[in-house]
Amino acid sequence: MPVSFSVGLDEQIRAAGGQSELYLYEKDNHNISHYFSLAMQRTIDFFDEHLK
């Protein structure tokens, strides 16, 4: 998926008054292999904050 799609979606959510967190992992691919630990920690933090 192109980064521009994610950026545009983030902007649309915020424009509609919603909350959004967008993290870009520079020079990595869709598998986030270089930033996997960081991405997973952010995912866990999100679930802990919003779904517990």
PDB file of N, CA and C in Angstrom:
ATOM      1  N   MET A   1       0.845  -1.159   0.000  1.00  0.00           N
ATOM      2  CA  MET A   1       0.000   0.000   0.000  1.00  0.00           C
ATOM      3  C   MET A   1       0.900   1.235   0.000  1.00  0.00           C
ATOM      4  N   PRO A   2       0.634   2.177  -0.820  1.00  0.00           N
ATOM      5  CA  PRO A   2       1.453   3.390  -0.853  1.00  0.00           C
ATOM      6  C   PRO A   2       1.335   4.193   0.441  1.00  0.00           C
ATOM      7  N   VAL A   3       2.435   4.800   0.845  1.00  0.00           N
ATOM      8  CA  VAL A   3       2.439   5.640   2.042  1.00  0.00           C
ATOM      9  C   VAL A   3       1.414   6.762   1.906  1.00  0.00           C
ATOM     10  N   SER A   4       1.248   7.274   0.703  1.00  0.00           N
ATOM     11  CA  SER A   4       0.305   8.378   0.493  1.00  0.00           C
ATOM     12  C   SER A   4      -1.117   7.995   0.903  1.00  0.00           C
ATOM     13  N   PHE A   5      -1.479   6.728   0.762  1.00  0.00           N
ATOM     14  CA  PHE A   5      -2.809   6.281   1.192  1.00  0.00           C
ATOM     15  C   PHE A   5      -2.949   6.432   2.703  1.00  0.00           C
ATOM     16  N   SER A   6      -1.938   5.989   3.431  1.00  0.00           N
ATOM     17  CA  SER A   6      -1.973   6.075   4.900  1.00  0.00           C
ATOM     18  C   SER A   6      -1.979   7.521   5.377  1.00  0.00           C
ATOM     19  N   VAL A   7      -1.181   8.348   4.740  1.00  0.00           N
ATOM     20  CA  VAL A   7      -1.140   9.770   5.099  1.00  0.00           C
ATOM     21  C   VAL A   7      -2.488  10.416   4.829  1.00  0.00           C
ATOM     22  N   GLY A   8      -3.066  10.127   3.680  1.00  0.00           N
ATOM     23  CA  GLY A   8      -4.373  10.687   3.341  1.00  0.00           C
ATOM     24  C   GLY A   8      -5.464  10.227   4.286  1.00  0.00           C
ATOM     25  N   LEU A   9      -5.442   8.966   4.653  1.00  0.00           N
ATOM     26  CA  LEU A   9      -6.435   8.445   5.595  1.00  0.00           C
ATOM     27  C   LEU A   9      -6.292   9.112   6.960  1.00  0.00           C
ATOM     28  N   ASP A  10      -5.063   9.263   7.419  1.00  0.00           N
ATOM     29  CA  ASP A  10      -4.799   9.952   8.685  1.00  0.00           C
ATOM     30  C   ASP A  10      -5.364  11.370   8.645  1.00  0.00           C
ATOM     31  N   GLU A  11      -5.123  12.073   7.571  1.00  0.00           N
ATOM     32  CA  GLU A  11      -5.624  13.445   7.426  1.00  0.00           C
ATOM     33  C   GLU A  11      -7.149  13.490   7.418  1.00  0.00           C
ATOM     34  N   GLN A  12      -7.779  12.548   6.745  1.00  0.00           N
ATOM     35  CA  GLN A  12      -9.244  12.514   6.693  1.00  0.00           C
ATOM     36  C   GLN A  12      -9.846  12.229   8.064  1.00  0.00           C
ATOM     37  N   ILE A  13      -9.248  11.327   8.797  1.00  0.00           N
ATOM     38  CA  ILE A  13      -9.748  11.001  10.142  1.00  0.00           C
ATOM     39  C   ILE A  13      -9.655  12.223  11.038  1.00  0.00           C
ATOM     40  N   ARG A  14      -8.504  12.888  11.013  1.00  0.00           N
ATOM     41  CA  ARG A  14      -8.317  14.086  11.846  1.00  0.00           C
ATOM     42  C   ARG A  14      -9.261  15.209  11.424  1.00  0.00           C
ATOM     43  N   ALA A  15      -9.465  15.387  10.124  1.00  0.00           N
ATOM     44  CA  ALA A  15     -10.359  16.430   9.623  1.00  0.00           C
ATOM     45  C   ALA A  15     -11.801  16.189  10.065  1.00  0.00           C
ATOM     46  N   ALA A  16     -12.144  14.930  10.249  1.00  0.00           N
ATOM     47  CA  ALA A  16     -13.493  14.582  10.694  1.00  0.00           C
ATOM     48  C   ALA A  16     -13.614  14.607  12.219  1.00  0.00           C
ATOM     49  N   GLY A  17     -12.535  15.008  12.886  1.00  0.00           N
ATOM     50  CA  GLY A  17     -12.577  15.121  14.343  1.00  0.00           C
ATOM     51  C   GLY A  17     -12.179  13.847  15.069  1.00  0.00           C
ATOM     52  N   GLY A  18     -11.678  12.884  14.331  1.00  0.00           N
ATOM     53  CA  GLY A  18     -11.278  11.624  14.954  1.00  0.00           C
ATOM     54  C   GLY A  18      -9.845  11.658  15.441  1.00  0.00           C
ATOM     55  N   GLN A  19      -9.489  10.627  16.170  1.00  0.00           N
ATOM     56  CA  GLN A  19      -8.123  10.473  16.657  1.00  0.00           C
ATOM     57  C   GLN A  19      -7.384   9.504  15.749  1.00  0.00           C
ATOM     58  N   SER A  20      -6.151   9.822  15.486  1.00  0.00           N
ATOM     59  CA  SER A  20      -5.345   8.951  14.641  1.00  0.00           C
ATOM     60  C   SER A  20      -3.882   9.097  15.021  1.00  0.00           C
ATOM     61  N   GLU A  21      -3.174   7.997  14.989  1.00  0.00           N
ATOM     62  CA  GLU A  21      -1.730   8.007  15.178  1.00  0.00           C
ATOM     63  C   GLU A  21      -1.127   7.330  13.956  1.00  0.00           C
ATOM     64  N   LEU A  22      -0.265   8.046  13.282  1.00  0.00           N
ATOM     65  CA  LEU A  22       0.377   7.518  12.088  1.00  0.00           C
ATOM     66  C   LEU A  22       1.869   7.423  12.337  1.00  0.00           C
ATOM     67  N   TYR A  23       2.406   6.248  12.188  1.00  0.00           N
ATOM     68  CA  TYR A  23       3.836   6.031  12.328  1.00  0.00           C
ATOM     69  C   TYR A  23       4.386   5.588  10.987  1.00  0.00           C
ATOM     70  N   LEU A  24       5.402   6.282  10.532  1.00  0.00           N
ATOM     71  CA  LEU A  24       6.056   5.927   9.282  1.00  0.00           C
ATOM     72  C   LEU A  24       7.412   5.326   9.613  1.00  0.00           C
ATOM     73  N   TYR A  25       7.705   4.204   9.018  1.00  0.00           N
ATOM     74  CA  TYR A  25       8.955   3.500   9.261  1.00  0.00           C
ATOM     75  C   TYR A  25       9.820   3.658   8.016  1.00  0.00           C
ATOM     76  N   GLU A  26      10.638   4.697   8.039  1.00  0.00           N
ATOM     77  CA  GLU A  26      11.444   5.072   6.886  1.00  0.00           C
ATOM     78  C   GLU A  26      12.354   3.936   6.424  1.00  0.00           C
ATOM     79  N   LYS A  27      12.444   3.783   5.136  1.00  0.00           N
ATOM     80  CA  LYS A  27      13.319   2.803   4.495  1.00  0.00           C
ATOM     81  C   LYS A  27      13.029   1.367   4.928  1.00  0.00           C
ATOM     82  N   ASP A  28      11.770   1.099   5.245  1.00  0.00           N
ATOM     83  CA  ASP A  28      11.362  -0.265   5.567  1.00  0.00           C
ATOM     84  C   ASP A  28      10.211  -0.646   4.646  1.00  0.00           C
ATOM     85  N   ASN A  29       9.910  -1.916   4.579  1.00  0.00           N
ATOM     86  CA  ASN A  29       8.841  -2.371   3.707  1.00  0.00           C
ATOM     87  C   ASN A  29       7.579  -2.659   4.524  1.00  0.00           C
ATOM     88  N   HIS A  30       6.594  -3.230   3.889  1.00  0.00           N
ATOM     89  CA  HIS A  30       5.309  -3.484   4.544  1.00  0.00           C
ATOM     90  C   HIS A  30       5.431  -4.458   5.710  1.00  0.00           C
ATOM     91  N   ASN A  31       6.465  -5.269   5.729  1.00  0.00           N
ATOM     92  CA  ASN A  31       6.683  -6.227   6.817  1.00  0.00           C
ATOM     93  C   ASN A  31       7.327  -5.601   8.043  1.00  0.00           C
ATOM     94  N   ILE A  32       7.686  -4.335   7.962  1.00  0.00           N
ATOM     95  CA  ILE A  32       8.357  -3.590   9.029  1.00  0.00           C
ATOM     96  C   ILE A  32       9.473  -4.397   9.712  1.00  0.00           C
ATOM     97  N   SER A  33      10.246  -5.099   8.909  1.00  0.00           N
ATOM     98  CA  SER A  33      11.269  -5.986   9.464  1.00  0.00           C
ATOM     99  C   SER A  33      12.361  -5.243  10.231  1.00  0.00           C
ATOM    100  N   HIS A  34      12.642  -4.001   9.868  1.00  0.00           N
ATOM    101  CA  HIS A  34      13.678  -3.255  10.581  1.00  0.00           C
ATOM    102  C   HIS A  34      13.163  -2.629  11.875  1.00  0.00           C
ATOM    103  N   TYR A  35      11.882  -2.438  11.970  1.00  0.00           N
ATOM    104  CA  TYR A  35      11.277  -1.776  13.130  1.00  0.00           C
ATOM    105  C   TYR A  35      10.224  -2.652  13.805  1.00  0.00           C
ATOM    106  N   PHE A  36      10.340  -3.951  13.648  1.00  0.00           N
ATOM    107  CA  PHE A  36       9.294  -4.852  14.122  1.00  0.00           C
ATOM    108  C   PHE A  36       9.025  -4.693  15.618  1.00  0.00           C
ATOM    109  N   SER A  37      10.072  -4.675  16.424  1.00  0.00           N
ATOM    110  CA  SER A  37       9.881  -4.578  17.880  1.00  0.00           C
ATOM    111  C   SER A  37       9.174  -3.287  18.265  1.00  0.00           C
ATOM    112  N   LEU A  38       9.579  -2.185  17.668  1.00  0.00           N
ATOM    113  CA  LEU A  38       8.944  -0.903  17.957  1.00  0.00           C
ATOM    114  C   LEU A  38       7.483  -0.910  17.520  1.00  0.00           C
ATOM    115  N   ALA A  39       7.210  -1.418  16.342  1.00  0.00           N
ATOM    116  CA  ALA A  39       5.833  -1.463  15.841  1.00  0.00           C
ATOM    117  C   ALA A  39       4.951  -2.340  16.717  1.00  0.00           C
ATOM    118  N   MET A  40       5.467  -3.473  17.164  1.00  0.00           N
ATOM    119  CA  MET A  40       4.684  -4.363  18.025  1.00  0.00           C
ATOM    120  C   MET A  40       4.437  -3.729  19.386  1.00  0.00           C
ATOM    121  N   GLN A  41       5.427  -3.019  19.925  1.00  0.00           N
ATOM    122  CA  GLN A  41       5.220  -2.347  21.205  1.00  0.00           C
ATOM    123  C   GLN A  41       4.159  -1.264  21.080  1.00  0.00           C
ATOM    124  N   ARG A  42       4.172  -0.549  19.986  1.00  0.00           N
ATOM    125  CA  ARG A  42       3.135   0.468  19.763  1.00  0.00           C
ATOM    126  C   ARG A  42       1.765  -0.176  19.628  1.00  0.00           C
ATOM    127  N   THR A  43       1.689  -1.329  18.998  1.00  0.00           N
ATOM    128  CA  THR A  43       0.426  -2.054  18.861  1.00  0.00           C
ATOM    129  C   THR A  43      -0.082  -2.502  20.229  1.00  0.00           C
ATOM    130  N   ILE A  44       0.788  -3.048  21.034  1.00  0.00           N
ATOM    131  CA  ILE A  44       0.416  -3.487  22.386  1.00  0.00           C
ATOM    132  C   ILE A  44      -0.042  -2.295  23.217  1.00  0.00           C
ATOM    133  N   ASP A  45       0.690  -1.198  23.138  1.00  0.00           N
ATOM    134  CA  ASP A  45       0.305   0.016  23.876  1.00  0.00           C
ATOM    135  C   ASP A  45      -1.091   0.488  23.451  1.00  0.00           C
ATOM    136  N   PHE A  46      -1.368   0.431  22.150  1.00  0.00           N
ATOM    137  CA  PHE A  46      -2.693   0.831  21.648  1.00  0.00           C
ATOM    138  C   PHE A  46      -3.777  -0.076  22.233  1.00  0.00           C
ATOM    139  N   PHE A  47      -3.573  -1.381  22.182  1.00  0.00           N
ATOM    140  CA  PHE A  47      -4.565  -2.303  22.720  1.00  0.00           C
ATOM    141  C   PHE A  47      -4.750  -2.092  24.217  1.00  0.00           C
ATOM    142  N   ASP A  48      -3.659  -1.900  24.929  1.00  0.00           N
ATOM    143  CA  ASP A  48      -3.761  -1.651  26.372  1.00  0.00           C
ATOM    144  C   ASP A  48      -4.555  -0.394  26.681  1.00  0.00           C
ATOM    145  N   GLU A  49      -4.342   0.646  25.903  1.00  0.00           N
ATOM    146  CA  GLU A  49      -5.013   1.920  26.160  1.00  0.00           C
ATOM    147  C   GLU A  49      -6.485   1.916  25.737  1.00  0.00           C
ATOM    148  N   HIS A  50      -6.798   1.279  24.615  1.00  0.00           N
ATOM    149  CA  HIS A  50      -8.134   1.422  24.039  1.00  0.00           C
ATOM    150  C   HIS A  50      -9.035   0.191  24.167  1.00  0.00           C
ATOM    151  N   LEU A  51      -8.464  -0.966  24.418  1.00  0.00           N
ATOM    152  CA  LEU A  51      -9.287  -2.170  24.377  1.00  0.00           C
ATOM    153  C   LEU A  51      -9.316  -2.970  25.668  1.00  0.00           C
ATOM    154  N   LYS A  52      -8.580  -2.566  26.666  1.00  0.00           N
ATOM    155  CA  LYS A  52      -8.617  -3.305  27.929  1.00  0.00           C
ATOM    156  C   LYS A  52      -9.787  -2.885  28.775  1.00  0.00           C
TER     157      LYS A  52
END
